[in-house]
Protein backbone atom coordinates (compact mmCIF):
# COMPACT_ATOMS: atom_id res chain seq x y z
CA MET A 1 0.01 0.00 -0.01
CA ARG A 2 1.31 3.43 -0.88
CA PHE A 3 -0.27 6.62 0.34
CA SER A 4 1.13 10.09 -0.23
CA ILE A 5 0.26 13.30 1.57
CA SER A 6 1.76 16.70 1.06
CA LEU A 7 2.64 18.62 4.17
CA LYS A 8 4.61 21.84 4.33
CA LYS A 9 7.80 21.23 6.24
CA ILE A 10 8.73 23.57 9.00
CA ASN A 11 11.98 25.26 8.04
CA LEU A 12 13.59 27.12 10.91
CA LYS A 13 17.14 27.23 9.59
CA VAL A 14 18.52 30.59 8.62
CA PHE A 15 20.40 30.56 5.36
CA ILE A 16 23.00 33.32 5.17
CA PRO A 17 25.12 33.80 1.99
CA ILE A 18 28.52 33.75 3.63
CA LYS A 19 31.61 31.57 3.18
CA LYS A 20 31.66 28.01 4.40
CA LEU A 21 34.30 28.98 6.98
CA LEU A 22 31.66 31.05 8.77
CA SER A 23 29.00 28.44 8.11
CA ILE A 24 25.26 28.85 8.79
CA PHE A 25 24.01 30.27 12.05
CA ILE A 26 21.43 28.21 13.92
CA ILE A 27 20.12 28.64 17.39
CA LEU A 28 20.68 25.71 19.76
CA PRO A 29 20.79 25.49 23.54
CA VAL A 30 24.21 26.41 24.89
CA SER A 31 25.67 27.03 28.30
CA ILE A 32 25.47 30.67 29.44
CA ASN A 33 28.70 30.28 31.36
CA ALA A 34 31.42 31.67 29.13
CA GLU A 35 35.12 31.96 29.81
CA THR A 36 37.92 33.38 27.71
CA ILE A 37 39.80 30.55 26.01
CA LYS A 38 41.98 32.51 23.63
CA THR A 39 42.90 36.11 22.79
CA ILE A 40 43.53 37.23 19.19
CA ASN A 41 44.86 40.75 18.57
CA ASN A 42 43.42 41.89 21.92
CA VAL A 43 40.04 40.37 21.10
CA ASN A 44 38.85 37.52 23.36
CA ILE A 45 37.37 34.28 22.05
CA ASP A 46 35.16 32.90 24.78
CA SER A 47 33.80 29.39 25.19
CA LEU A 48 30.23 30.42 24.39
CA VAL A 49 31.26 31.70 20.94
CA LEU A 50 33.19 28.48 20.29
CA ASP A 51 30.19 26.35 21.37
CA ILE A 52 27.88 28.22 18.96
CA TYR A 53 30.47 27.98 16.16
CA ILE A 54 30.74 24.21 16.70
CA GLN A 55 27.00 23.75 16.72
CA ASN A 56 26.62 25.69 13.50
CA ARG A 57 29.39 23.75 11.80
CA THR A 58 28.19 20.33 12.94
CA GLN A 59 24.52 20.82 13.95
CA GLN A 60 25.46 18.98 17.12
CA SER A 61 25.85 20.07 20.68
CA SER A 62 29.44 20.90 21.44
CA ASP A 63 29.54 18.33 24.23
CA GLN A 64 28.91 15.62 21.62
CA ILE A 65 32.29 16.05 19.98
CA SER A 66 35.72 14.97 21.17
CA ALA A 67 38.32 17.23 22.75
CA ASP A 68 40.51 16.86 19.65
CA GLN A 69 37.65 17.96 17.39
CA ARG A 70 36.99 20.92 19.67
CA LEU A 71 40.58 22.01 19.25
CA LEU A 72 40.28 21.79 15.46
CA PHE A 73 37.21 24.02 15.51
CA LEU A 74 39.03 26.43 17.78
CA GLU A 75 41.77 26.70 15.16
CA GLU A 76 39.14 27.41 12.49
CA LEU A 77 37.61 30.08 14.69
CA THR A 78 41.08 31.53 15.32
CA ASP A 79 41.42 32.08 11.58
CA VAL A 80 38.13 33.88 11.55
CA TYR A 81 39.28 36.19 14.34
CA LEU A 82 42.65 36.75 12.71
CA LEU A 83 41.03 37.87 9.49
CA SER A 84 38.34 39.97 11.13
CA THR A 85 40.79 41.89 13.36
CA GLN A 86 43.13 43.05 10.65
CA GLU A 87 43.40 46.80 10.03
CA GLU A 88 41.70 46.49 6.69
CA ALA A 89 38.66 44.93 8.44
CA ASP A 90 37.76 48.37 9.83
CA ALA A 91 37.44 49.73 6.32
CA ILE A 92 35.56 46.66 5.11
CA THR A 93 32.95 46.90 7.89
CA THR A 94 32.05 50.40 6.86
CA ASP A 95 31.17 49.17 3.37
CA LYS A 96 27.42 49.55 2.85
CA ASN A 97 27.09 46.10 1.34
CA ILE A 98 28.82 44.48 4.33
CA GLN A 99 26.75 46.53 6.76
CA ALA A 100 23.58 45.43 5.01
CA GLN A 101 24.62 41.76 5.24
CA ILE A 102 25.43 42.13 8.93
CA GLU A 103 22.07 43.82 9.53
CA LEU A 104 20.25 41.10 7.64
CA GLN A 105 22.12 38.36 9.53
CA ASN A 106 21.33 39.95 12.89
CA ARG A 107 17.67 40.38 12.00
CA MET A 108 17.38 36.77 10.83
CA LEU A 109 19.00 35.44 13.99
CA ILE A 110 16.63 37.47 16.16
CA ALA A 111 13.65 36.42 14.04
CA GLN A 112 14.65 32.77 14.38
CA SER A 113 14.94 33.09 18.12
CA VAL A 114 11.43 34.57 18.26
CA ALA A 115 10.16 31.78 15.98
CA ASN A 116 11.80 29.10 18.14
CA ASN A 117 10.19 30.64 21.23
CA PHE A 118 6.79 30.65 19.50
CA PHE A 119 7.09 27.01 18.47
CA SER A 120 8.16 25.93 21.95
CA LYS A 121 4.89 27.26 23.41
CA ILE A 122 2.52 25.67 20.86
CA GLU A 123 0.02 23.24 22.38
CA PHE A 124 -2.81 21.40 20.64
CA THR A 125 -5.51 18.95 21.53
CA GLU A 126 -6.32 15.48 20.32
CA GLU A 127 -9.44 16.94 18.76
CA GLU A 128 -7.33 19.28 16.59
CA ILE A 129 -5.15 16.40 15.43
CA LEU A 130 -8.30 14.43 14.56
CA ASN A 131 -9.72 17.37 12.59
CA PHE A 132 -6.55 17.70 10.55
CA TYR A 133 -6.51 13.95 9.99
CA ASN A 134 -10.09 13.92 8.72
CA ALA A 135 -9.40 16.86 6.42
CA MET A 136 -6.36 15.04 5.02
CA ILE A 137 -8.36 11.86 4.37
CA GLU A 138 -11.15 13.80 2.65
CA SER A 139 -8.74 15.63 0.33
CA ALA A 140 -6.57 12.62 -0.49
CA PRO A 141 -6.98 10.73 -3.78
CA ASN A 142 -9.36 7.74 -3.42
CA LYS A 143 -7.73 5.74 -6.22
CA GLU A 144 -4.28 4.30 -6.85
CA TYR A 145 -2.95 3.12 -10.20
CA LYS A 146 -0.39 0.80 -11.75
CA ALA A 147 0.93 1.81 -15.15
CA SER A 148 3.59 1.33 -17.78
CA HIS A 149 4.81 3.90 -20.26
CA ILE A 150 7.03 4.37 -23.26
CA LEU A 151 8.98 7.63 -23.17
CA VAL A 152 10.39 9.10 -26.39
CA GLU A 153 11.83 12.45 -27.43
CA SER A 154 9.36 13.50 -30.14
CA GLN A 155 5.62 13.45 -30.75
CA SER A 156 6.12 11.73 -34.09
CA GLU A 157 7.95 8.84 -32.40
CA ALA A 158 5.10 8.46 -29.94
CA ILE A 159 2.53 8.46 -32.73
CA ASP A 160 4.50 5.76 -34.54
CA ILE A 161 4.55 3.59 -31.40
CA ILE A 162 0.79 4.01 -30.99
CA ASP A 163 0.36 2.91 -34.61
CA GLN A 164 2.42 -0.21 -33.86
CA LEU A 165 0.26 -0.94 -30.79
CA ASN A 166 -2.90 -0.52 -32.88
CA ASN A 167 -1.49 -3.10 -35.26
CA GLY A 168 -0.96 -5.68 -32.53
CA GLY A 169 2.44 -4.63 -31.15
CA ASP A 170 3.41 -5.75 -27.68
CA PHE A 171 3.63 -2.80 -25.25
CA SER A 172 6.41 -4.34 -23.14
CA GLU A 173 8.58 -5.19 -26.14
CA LEU A 174 8.10 -1.76 -27.68
CA ALA A 175 9.07 -0.15 -24.38
CA LYS A 176 12.24 -2.16 -24.22
CA GLU A 177 13.11 -1.22 -27.80
CA PHE A 178 12.18 2.46 -27.95
CA SER A 179 11.70 3.97 -24.51
CA ILE A 180 14.41 6.29 -23.23
CA GLY A 181 13.08 6.18 -19.66
CA PRO A 182 14.70 4.21 -16.80
CA SER A 183 11.72 1.79 -16.78
CA ALA A 184 12.52 0.57 -20.34
CA THR A 185 14.33 -2.50 -19.09
CA ASN A 186 11.17 -3.46 -17.13
CA GLY A 187 9.04 -3.23 -20.25
CA GLY A 188 7.96 0.28 -19.24
CA SER A 189 6.44 -0.85 -15.97
CA LEU A 190 6.55 1.79 -13.21
CA GLY A 191 6.28 -0.90 -10.58
CA ASN A 192 4.08 -0.42 -7.55
CA PHE A 193 0.75 1.32 -7.35
CA PHE A 194 0.94 5.12 -7.11
CA SER A 195 -1.43 7.97 -6.33
CA PRO A 196 -1.98 10.73 -8.92
CA SER A 197 -0.10 13.28 -6.76
CA GLN A 198 3.09 11.27 -7.16
CA MET A 199 3.23 11.91 -10.90
CA VAL A 200 3.43 15.09 -12.98
CA LYS A 201 -0.07 16.34 -13.71
CA PRO A 202 -0.29 15.60 -17.49
CA PHE A 203 0.79 12.00 -16.78
CA SER A 204 -1.60 11.45 -13.88
CA ASP A 205 -4.48 13.10 -15.77
CA ALA A 206 -3.94 10.68 -18.64
CA VAL A 207 -3.82 7.68 -16.34
CA GLU A 208 -7.01 8.68 -14.56
CA ALA A 209 -8.83 9.15 -17.87
CA LEU A 210 -7.99 5.61 -19.03
CA ASP A 211 -9.65 2.34 -18.22
CA ASP A 212 -7.63 -0.60 -16.93
CA ASN A 213 -5.64 -2.41 -19.63
CA VAL A 214 -6.06 0.52 -22.06
CA TYR A 215 -3.29 2.70 -23.52
CA THR A 216 -3.39 6.32 -24.62
CA THR A 217 -4.38 6.83 -28.23
CA LYS A 218 -2.68 10.19 -28.33
CA PRO A 219 0.82 11.07 -27.10
CA VAL A 220 1.07 12.70 -23.68
CA GLN A 221 3.63 15.48 -23.26
CA THR A 222 5.40 16.20 -19.96
CA GLU A 223 8.60 17.96 -19.03
CA PHE A 224 10.40 14.65 -19.61
CA GLY A 225 9.27 14.10 -23.20
CA TRP A 226 6.43 12.30 -24.95
CA HIS A 227 4.68 9.31 -23.39
CA VAL A 228 2.54 6.44 -24.47
CA ILE A 229 0.86 5.24 -21.32
CA LEU A 230 -0.76 1.93 -20.45
CA ARG A 231 -2.96 1.82 -17.33
CA GLU A 232 -2.53 -1.72 -16.04
CA ALA A 233 -4.74 -1.66 -12.97
CA SER A 234 -6.45 0.50 -10.40
CA ARG A 235 -7.63 0.07 -6.84
CA ASP A 236 -9.20 1.97 -3.96
CA ALA A 237 -6.59 3.86 -1.94
CA VAL A 238 -6.10 2.66 1.65
CA SER A 239 -6.03 5.52 4.12
CA PRO A 240 -3.20 5.60 6.65
CA THR A 241 -3.98 5.20 10.31
CA LEU A 242 -3.98 8.25 12.54
CA ASP A 243 -0.97 7.00 14.50
CA SER A 244 1.10 6.48 11.34
CA VAL A 245 0.78 10.16 10.33
CA ARG A 246 0.45 11.73 13.80
CA LEU A 247 3.86 13.40 13.76
CA GLU A 248 3.28 14.88 10.33
CA LEU A 249 -0.13 16.20 11.41
CA GLU A 250 1.37 17.77 14.50
CA GLN A 251 3.96 19.39 12.31
CA GLN A 252 1.28 20.71 10.00
CA ILE A 253 -0.65 22.17 12.97
CA ARG A 254 2.50 23.93 14.16
CA GLN A 255 3.13 25.33 10.69
CA THR A 256 -0.49 26.51 10.44
CA ARG A 257 -0.27 28.24 13.79
CA PHE A 258 3.00 29.88 12.85
CA GLN A 259 1.58 31.15 9.54
CA GLU A 260 -1.43 32.55 11.42
CA TYR A 261 0.96 34.30 13.77
CA ILE A 262 2.92 35.79 10.84
CA ASN A 263 -0.33 36.93 9.21
CA SER A 264 -1.39 38.67 12.40
CA LEU A 265 1.92 40.47 12.64
CA ARG A 266 1.53 41.62 9.03
CA GLU A 267 -1.95 42.96 9.77
CA LYS A 268 -0.73 44.86 12.85
CA SER A 269 2.07 46.46 10.86
CA LEU A 270 -0.27 47.98 8.26
């Protein structure tokens, strides 16, 4: 059984266009107790900065890495401090483009912290989860299909293959001979049953319009080329159990709440 649902993933990472050396800033729990561990050109590197640097380079808590790895990351951070404390850095930091990037980075870090705080306070009831589950079931496709196809580069090639099928040609053998798709070696078979949402729309529309054991009498064009499609079988889709999709539903509720929060902030700012 194959069942596909589309849920928006919660993306809380902040993507900043800076060099790999500086990596991507993320907000993770760290110790608030900081001590100076190194001084570069009269600028202190404290343990809190190193912890955050390690977490952003590895997406792991700093206490999950070995002492040797910690020293390696300290050397990387030392290079950052060496570069950023050179005399020319003063001139660079007054550049409007650099200032704009720093401003954006700071704003995104603050925004992420606020978002993290919002998500940590979200609570929902079993009734809400059930409502989202029922809505998902109602909107999900009620049919699944098994199909084969022959993929070619031009419409004329597809028309020629349809002519051969009309004259008694074997679909599987024609797929092996002419199809440029990865399923050619399997006689064009796409394997397991699939829901329409798993295929590009022109393809799924064509499959849904066919009867079982019937092929398309006109070529179907998608972004991949031209298809001749055989619908082999169809069946009623089996809905997933609530428990099997619970985590995804909870995630969707969180995302919905967050979007509502963003919308309310937009309205207040008008």
